Amino acid sequence: MKKRGMTLVELMVALLCMTVMMGVVYQLIVTTERIQIHTGVRAEAEYNIREAMDLMLYEIRHAGYRYYDNMEKGGNPYVFAKVVNRVGTNSDAGTLTFSADLNESGTVLDDEIISYRLNDNNILGRRVHQQANWEMVANNVQDIKFKYFNKKEQEIPPVDIPASATTIRRIDIAVDFAYPVKGEAKTLTTRLSTSVYFRNTYNFD
């Protein structure tokens, strides 16, 4: 019996199949590497944004707080928070201003009236009351939105008058930030969002 070898057509088909398979494998490798790069860059950018948000959350949780020693000063222990603006009158969807006695001195000082906002250079800034300069908290921030909710979990407008500051119980924060992709001439965006409840709410309307 004669041994029959591969014909030219069969050889070309085999080479075509191998080429297709190699192309698929190469594409999978490239895609996997691109995903790893995107994930790494996003994780690094997200870490920086989370550091900024951790600072914001720590301070916002204390909005309205004022140190009060009932044993020393007497009086109603539930009154003191009313005289501290939880959220200032110039707060809106893009700016948040609030007061808190962070150093527990019994008095809210100028450097305990804090504002956060996004400037025109995509920088999330923080400023204490009456200071001209904003310090950078995070860069590459595309947008930031604050939403305000009352104790019934209903969204309410930003504060218009000081008396309405006491109705706010929760603030939702959404931050859109950009991160450049290494080796690619493009920038991607993603969003981090969280909710923060005031610790010093007490039982007044």
C-alpha atoms as a PDB file:
ATOM      1  CA  MET A   1       0.000   0.000   0.000  1.00  0.00           C
ATOM      2  CA  LYS A   2       1.341   3.403  -0.923  1.00  0.00           C
ATOM      3  CA  LYS A   3       1.661   6.054   1.785  1.00  0.00           C
ATOM      4  CA  ARG A   4      -0.177   9.149   0.764  1.00  0.00           C
ATOM      5  CA  GLY A   5       1.290  12.535   1.887  1.00  0.00           C
ATOM      6  CA  MET A   6      -0.447  15.881   2.353  1.00  0.00           C
ATOM      7  CA  THR A   7      -1.533  17.711  -0.714  1.00  0.00           C
ATOM      8  CA  LEU A   8      -0.730  21.360  -1.254  1.00  0.00           C
ATOM      9  CA  VAL A   9      -4.332  22.286  -0.597  1.00  0.00           C
ATOM     10  CA  GLU A  10      -4.369  20.400   2.727  1.00  0.00           C
ATOM     11  CA  LEU A  11      -1.095  22.045   3.746  1.00  0.00           C
ATOM     12  CA  MET A  12      -2.468  25.509   2.981  1.00  0.00           C
ATOM     13  CA  VAL A  13      -5.648  24.796   4.943  1.00  0.00           C
ATOM     14  CA  ALA A  14      -3.566  23.602   7.898  1.00  0.00           C
ATOM     15  CA  LEU A  15      -1.404  26.728   7.756  1.00  0.00           C
ATOM     16  CA  LEU A  16      -4.518  28.907   7.568  1.00  0.00           C
ATOM     17  CA  CYS A  17      -5.994  27.203  10.620  1.00  0.00           C
ATOM     18  CA  MET A  18      -2.742  27.670  12.538  1.00  0.00           C
ATOM     19  CA  THR A  19      -2.591  31.336  11.544  1.00  0.00           C
ATOM     20  CA  VAL A  20      -6.150  31.908  12.709  1.00  0.00           C
ATOM     21  CA  MET A  21      -5.467  30.134  16.005  1.00  0.00           C
ATOM     22  CA  MET A  22      -2.290  32.149  16.576  1.00  0.00           C
ATOM     23  CA  GLY A  23      -4.178  35.345  15.817  1.00  0.00           C
ATOM     24  CA  VAL A  24      -6.873  34.462  18.329  1.00  0.00           C
ATOM     25  CA  VAL A  25      -4.296  33.607  20.999  1.00  0.00           C
ATOM     26  CA  TYR A  26      -2.394  36.833  20.324  1.00  0.00           C
ATOM     27  CA  GLN A  27      -5.591  38.867  20.554  1.00  0.00           C
ATOM     28  CA  LEU A  28      -6.447  37.221  23.872  1.00  0.00           C
ATOM     29  CA  ILE A  29      -2.979  38.048  25.224  1.00  0.00           C
ATOM     30  CA  VAL A  30      -3.236  41.674  24.081  1.00  0.00           C
ATOM     31  CA  THR A  31      -6.756  42.031  25.512  1.00  0.00           C
ATOM     32  CA  THR A  32      -5.724  40.483  28.832  1.00  0.00           C
ATOM     33  CA  GLU A  33      -2.705  42.777  29.074  1.00  0.00           C
ATOM     34  CA  ARG A  34      -4.846  45.825  28.259  1.00  0.00           C
ATOM     35  CA  ILE A  35      -7.381  44.861  30.941  1.00  0.00           C
ATOM     36  CA  GLN A  36      -4.584  44.452  33.480  1.00  0.00           C
ATOM     37  CA  ILE A  37      -3.179  47.873  32.604  1.00  0.00           C
ATOM     38  CA  HIS A  38      -6.598  49.528  32.822  1.00  0.00           C
ATOM     39  CA  THR A  39      -7.344  47.803  36.112  1.00  0.00           C
ATOM     40  CA  GLY A  40      -4.003  48.806  37.616  1.00  0.00           C
ATOM     41  CA  VAL A  41      -4.282  52.444  36.547  1.00  0.00           C
ATOM     42  CA  ARG A  42      -7.873  52.650  37.723  1.00  0.00           C
ATOM     43  CA  ALA A  43      -6.996  51.086  41.077  1.00  0.00           C
ATOM     44  CA  GLU A  44      -4.210  53.619  41.604  1.00  0.00           C
ATOM     45  CA  ALA A  45      -6.441  56.553  40.683  1.00  0.00           C
ATOM     46  CA  GLU A  46      -9.288  55.175  42.806  1.00  0.00           C
ATOM     47  CA  TYR A  47      -6.960  54.822  45.788  1.00  0.00           C
ATOM     48  CA  ASN A  48      -6.060  58.516  45.588  1.00  0.00           C
ATOM     49  CA  ILE A  49      -9.719  59.519  45.320  1.00  0.00           C
ATOM     50  CA  ARG A  50     -10.665  57.287  48.259  1.00  0.00           C
ATOM     51  CA  GLU A  51      -8.047  59.010  50.419  1.00  0.00           C
ATOM     52  CA  ALA A  52      -9.707  62.337  49.628  1.00  0.00           C
ATOM     53  CA  MET A  53     -13.175  60.932  50.303  1.00  0.00           C
ATOM     54  CA  ASP A  54     -12.055  59.447  53.625  1.00  0.00           C
ATOM     55  CA  LEU A  55     -11.074  62.942  54.774  1.00  0.00           C
ATOM     56  CA  MET A  56     -14.369  64.377  53.564  1.00  0.00           C
ATOM     57  CA  LEU A  57     -16.420  61.650  55.247  1.00  0.00           C
ATOM     58  CA  TYR A  58     -14.599  62.044  58.550  1.00  0.00           C
ATOM     59  CA  GLU A  59     -15.284  65.763  58.641  1.00  0.00           C
ATOM     60  CA  ILE A  60     -18.834  65.634  57.283  1.00  0.00           C
ATOM     61  CA  ARG A  61     -19.871  63.025  59.850  1.00  0.00           C
ATOM     62  CA  HIS A  62     -19.104  65.607  62.546  1.00  0.00           C
ATOM     63  CA  ALA A  63     -21.070  68.404  60.872  1.00  0.00           C
ATOM     64  CA  GLY A  64     -23.073  70.241  63.509  1.00  0.00           C
ATOM     65  CA  TYR A  65     -21.011  68.850  66.356  1.00  0.00           C
ATOM     66  CA  ARG A  66     -20.188  71.118  69.259  1.00  0.00           C
ATOM     67  CA  TYR A  67     -18.445  69.884  72.363  1.00  0.00           C
ATOM     68  CA  TYR A  68     -20.594  70.265  75.440  1.00  0.00           C
ATOM     69  CA  ASP A  69     -19.899  69.080  78.980  1.00  0.00           C
ATOM     70  CA  ASN A  70     -23.283  68.948  80.676  1.00  0.00           C
ATOM     71  CA  MET A  71     -21.724  68.324  84.079  1.00  0.00           C
ATOM     72  CA  GLU A  72     -19.714  71.558  83.869  1.00  0.00           C
ATOM     73  CA  LYS A  73     -22.048  73.897  81.982  1.00  0.00           C
ATOM     74  CA  GLY A  74     -25.491  72.588  82.891  1.00  0.00           C
ATOM     75  CA  GLY A  75     -28.551  73.013  80.751  1.00  0.00           C
ATOM     76  CA  ASN A  76     -30.164  70.887  78.096  1.00  0.00           C
ATOM     77  CA  PRO A  77     -27.600  68.553  76.441  1.00  0.00           C
ATOM     78  CA  TYR A  78     -29.618  68.542  73.236  1.00  0.00           C
ATOM     79  CA  VAL A  79     -29.482  72.272  72.593  1.00  0.00           C
ATOM     80  CA  PHE A  80     -25.852  72.752  71.631  1.00  0.00           C
ATOM     81  CA  ALA A  81     -26.009  71.230  68.152  1.00  0.00           C
ATOM     82  CA  LYS A  82     -28.639  73.743  67.072  1.00  0.00           C
ATOM     83  CA  VAL A  83     -26.209  76.625  67.236  1.00  0.00           C
ATOM     84  CA  VAL A  84     -23.779  75.001  64.813  1.00  0.00           C
ATOM     85  CA  ASN A  85     -24.597  74.968  61.119  1.00  0.00           C
ATOM     86  CA  ARG A  86     -24.485  71.404  59.968  1.00  0.00           C
ATOM     87  CA  VAL A  87     -24.574  72.618  56.380  1.00  0.00           C
ATOM     88  CA  GLY A  88     -23.904  76.234  55.491  1.00  0.00           C
ATOM     89  CA  THR A  89     -26.176  78.554  53.569  1.00  0.00           C
ATOM     90  CA  ASN A  90     -23.942  78.589  50.480  1.00  0.00           C
ATOM     91  CA  SER A  91     -24.026  74.824  49.968  1.00  0.00           C
ATOM     92  CA  ASP A  92     -25.453  73.496  46.722  1.00  0.00           C
ATOM     93  CA  ALA A  93     -25.116  70.536  44.377  1.00  0.00           C
ATOM     94  CA  GLY A  94     -21.445  71.314  43.721  1.00  0.00           C
ATOM     95  CA  THR A  95     -20.266  72.966  46.943  1.00  0.00           C
ATOM     96  CA  LEU A  96     -20.545  71.817  50.542  1.00  0.00           C
ATOM     97  CA  THR A  97     -19.936  74.060  53.552  1.00  0.00           C
ATOM     98  CA  PHE A  98     -20.430  72.936  57.143  1.00  0.00           C
ATOM     99  CA  SER A  99     -19.329  73.586  60.731  1.00  0.00           C
ATOM    100  CA  ALA A 100     -18.053  71.233  63.404  1.00  0.00           C
ATOM    101  CA  ASP A 101     -16.191  71.590  66.693  1.00  0.00           C
ATOM    102  CA  LEU A 102     -13.532  69.098  65.617  1.00  0.00           C
ATOM    103  CA  ASN A 103     -11.026  69.983  68.346  1.00  0.00           C
ATOM    104  CA  GLU A 104     -13.711  69.870  71.078  1.00  0.00           C
ATOM    105  CA  SER A 105     -12.884  73.317  72.408  1.00  0.00           C
ATOM    106  CA  GLY A 106     -16.523  74.192  72.993  1.00  0.00           C
ATOM    107  CA  THR A 107     -16.384  76.876  70.305  1.00  0.00           C
ATOM    108  CA  VAL A 108     -16.521  76.520  66.540  1.00  0.00           C
ATOM    109  CA  LEU A 109     -13.483  78.358  65.234  1.00  0.00           C
ATOM    110  CA  ASP A 110     -12.915  79.764  61.763  1.00  0.00           C
ATOM    111  CA  ASP A 111     -10.761  76.797  60.813  1.00  0.00           C
ATOM    112  CA  GLU A 112     -13.645  74.473  61.729  1.00  0.00           C
ATOM    113  CA  ILE A 113     -15.969  75.947  59.104  1.00  0.00           C
ATOM    114  CA  ILE A 114     -15.033  73.866  56.074  1.00  0.00           C
ATOM    115  CA  SER A 115     -15.915  73.952  52.382  1.00  0.00           C
ATOM    116  CA  TYR A 116     -15.379  71.467  49.574  1.00  0.00           C
ATOM    117  CA  ARG A 117     -15.840  72.236  45.884  1.00  0.00           C
ATOM    118  CA  LEU A 118     -14.541  71.409  42.402  1.00  0.00           C
ATOM    119  CA  ASN A 119     -12.668  74.191  40.632  1.00  0.00           C
ATOM    120  CA  ASP A 120     -12.263  74.861  36.915  1.00  0.00           C
ATOM    121  CA  ASN A 121      -9.008  72.882  36.736  1.00  0.00           C
ATOM    122  CA  ASN A 122     -10.621  69.580  37.750  1.00  0.00           C
ATOM    123  CA  ILE A 123      -9.182  69.880  41.242  1.00  0.00           C
ATOM    124  CA  LEU A 124     -11.243  69.012  44.290  1.00  0.00           C
ATOM    125  CA  GLY A 125     -10.408  71.697  46.821  1.00  0.00           C
ATOM    126  CA  ARG A 126     -10.864  72.159  50.540  1.00  0.00           C
ATOM    127  CA  ARG A 127     -10.904  75.496  52.318  1.00  0.00           C
ATOM    128  CA  VAL A 128     -11.437  76.653  55.863  1.00  0.00           C
ATOM    129  CA  HIS A 129     -13.567  79.698  56.532  1.00  0.00           C
ATOM    130  CA  GLN A 130     -12.270  83.112  55.423  1.00  0.00           C
ATOM    131  CA  GLN A 131      -9.086  81.770  53.871  1.00  0.00           C
ATOM    132  CA  ALA A 132      -8.402  82.841  50.315  1.00  0.00           C
ATOM    133  CA  ASN A 133      -6.539  79.714  49.226  1.00  0.00           C
ATOM    134  CA  TRP A 134      -8.070  76.338  48.463  1.00  0.00           C
ATOM    135  CA  GLU A 135      -5.881  73.336  49.220  1.00  0.00           C
ATOM    136  CA  MET A 136      -5.901  70.491  46.711  1.00  0.00           C
ATOM    137  CA  VAL A 137      -7.508  67.310  47.990  1.00  0.00           C
ATOM    138  CA  ALA A 138      -7.571  65.397  44.689  1.00  0.00           C
ATOM    139  CA  ASN A 139      -6.929  66.131  41.029  1.00  0.00           C
ATOM    140  CA  ASN A 140      -8.345  64.728  37.779  1.00  0.00           C
ATOM    141  CA  VAL A 141     -11.846  65.065  39.223  1.00  0.00           C
ATOM    142  CA  GLN A 142     -14.361  65.583  36.434  1.00  0.00           C
ATOM    143  CA  ASP A 143     -17.428  66.247  38.551  1.00  0.00           C
ATOM    144  CA  ILE A 144     -18.734  66.079  42.105  1.00  0.00           C
ATOM    145  CA  LYS A 145     -22.350  66.132  43.221  1.00  0.00           C
ATOM    146  CA  PHE A 146     -23.863  66.460  46.690  1.00  0.00           C
ATOM    147  CA  LYS A 147     -27.444  65.367  47.356  1.00  0.00           C
ATOM    148  CA  TYR A 148     -29.199  66.130  50.626  1.00  0.00           C
ATOM    149  CA  PHE A 149     -31.764  63.966  52.436  1.00  0.00           C
ATOM    150  CA  ASN A 150     -33.955  64.443  55.495  1.00  0.00           C
ATOM    151  CA  LYS A 151     -34.700  61.951  58.263  1.00  0.00           C
ATOM    152  CA  LYS A 152     -37.466  60.417  56.127  1.00  0.00           C
ATOM    153  CA  GLU A 153     -34.888  59.597  53.438  1.00  0.00           C
ATOM    154  CA  GLN A 154     -36.482  62.155  51.113  1.00  0.00           C
ATOM    155  CA  GLU A 155     -34.212  64.229  48.892  1.00  0.00           C
ATOM    156  CA  ILE A 156     -34.469  67.901  49.729  1.00  0.00           C
ATOM    157  CA  PRO A 157     -33.029  71.039  48.086  1.00  0.00           C
ATOM    158  CA  PRO A 158     -29.712  72.467  49.281  1.00  0.00           C
ATOM    159  CA  VAL A 159     -29.892  74.663  52.337  1.00  0.00           C
ATOM    160  CA  ASP A 160     -31.500  78.051  51.718  1.00  0.00           C
ATOM    161  CA  ILE A 161     -31.837  79.359  55.271  1.00  0.00           C
ATOM    162  CA  PRO A 162     -29.912  78.426  58.417  1.00  0.00           C
ATOM    163  CA  ALA A 163     -32.987  76.947  60.115  1.00  0.00           C
ATOM    164  CA  SER A 164     -33.334  74.317  57.408  1.00  0.00           C
ATOM    165  CA  ALA A 165     -29.836  73.032  58.094  1.00  0.00           C
ATOM    166  CA  THR A 166     -31.197  70.902  60.918  1.00  0.00           C
ATOM    167  CA  THR A 167     -33.451  68.949  58.536  1.00  0.00           C
ATOM    168  CA  ILE A 168     -30.536  67.363  56.692  1.00  0.00           C
ATOM    169  CA  ARG A 169     -29.614  63.924  57.970  1.00  0.00           C
ATOM    170  CA  ARG A 170     -27.682  62.395  55.076  1.00  0.00           C
ATOM    171  CA  ILE A 171     -25.548  63.553  52.176  1.00  0.00           C
ATOM    172  CA  ASP A 172     -24.884  61.435  49.109  1.00  0.00           C
ATOM    173  CA  ILE A 173     -21.592  62.142  47.364  1.00  0.00           C
ATOM    174  CA  ALA A 174     -20.762  61.114  43.787  1.00  0.00           C
ATOM    175  CA  VAL A 175     -17.302  61.781  42.367  1.00  0.00           C
ATOM    176  CA  ASP A 176     -16.457  61.287  38.686  1.00  0.00           C
ATOM    177  CA  PHE A 177     -12.727  61.117  38.107  1.00  0.00           C
ATOM    178  CA  ALA A 178     -10.482  60.522  35.104  1.00  0.00           C
ATOM    179  CA  TYR A 179      -7.389  58.409  34.748  1.00  0.00           C
ATOM    180  CA  PRO A 180      -5.008  58.245  31.759  1.00  0.00           C
ATOM    181  CA  VAL A 181      -4.255  54.845  30.285  1.00  0.00           C
ATOM    182  CA  LYS A 182      -0.559  54.063  30.026  1.00  0.00           C
ATOM    183  CA  GLY A 183       0.559  53.421  26.475  1.00  0.00           C
ATOM    184  CA  GLU A 184      -2.717  54.681  25.043  1.00  0.00           C
ATOM    185  CA  ALA A 185      -3.607  58.205  24.046  1.00  0.00           C
ATOM    186  CA  LYS A 186      -6.881  58.268  25.921  1.00  0.00           C
ATOM    187  CA  THR A 187      -8.366  58.965  29.311  1.00  0.00           C
ATOM    188  CA  LEU A 188     -11.087  56.924  30.962  1.00  0.00           C
ATOM    189  CA  THR A 189     -13.551  58.025  33.620  1.00  0.00           C
ATOM    190  CA  THR A 190     -15.251  56.212  36.460  1.00  0.00           C
ATOM    191  CA  ARG A 191     -17.392  57.087  39.478  1.00  0.00           C
ATOM    192  CA  LEU A 192     -17.171  56.584  43.196  1.00  0.00           C
ATOM    193  CA  SER A 193     -20.236  57.224  45.315  1.00  0.00           C
ATOM    194  CA  THR A 194     -21.033  56.978  48.994  1.00  0.00           C
ATOM    195  CA  SER A 195     -23.464  58.187  51.651  1.00  0.00           C
ATOM    196  CA  VAL A 196     -22.619  59.875  54.929  1.00  0.00           C
ATOM    197  CA  TYR A 197     -24.912  60.305  57.919  1.00  0.00           C
ATOM    198  CA  PHE A 198     -24.426  63.014  60.499  1.00  0.00           C
ATOM    199  CA  ARG A 199     -23.482  61.585  63.861  1.00  0.00           C
ATOM    200  CA  ASN A 200     -24.923  64.532  65.744  1.00  0.00           C
ATOM    201  CA  THR A 201     -28.562  64.463  64.706  1.00  0.00           C
ATOM    202  CA  TYR A 202     -30.462  64.216  68.013  1.00  0.00           C
ATOM    203  CA  ASN A 203     -34.244  64.446  68.035  1.00  0.00           C
ATOM    204  CA  PHE A 204     -35.171  67.856  66.753  1.00  0.00           C
ATOM    205  CA  ASP A 205     -36.884  68.627  63.455  1.00  0.00           C
END
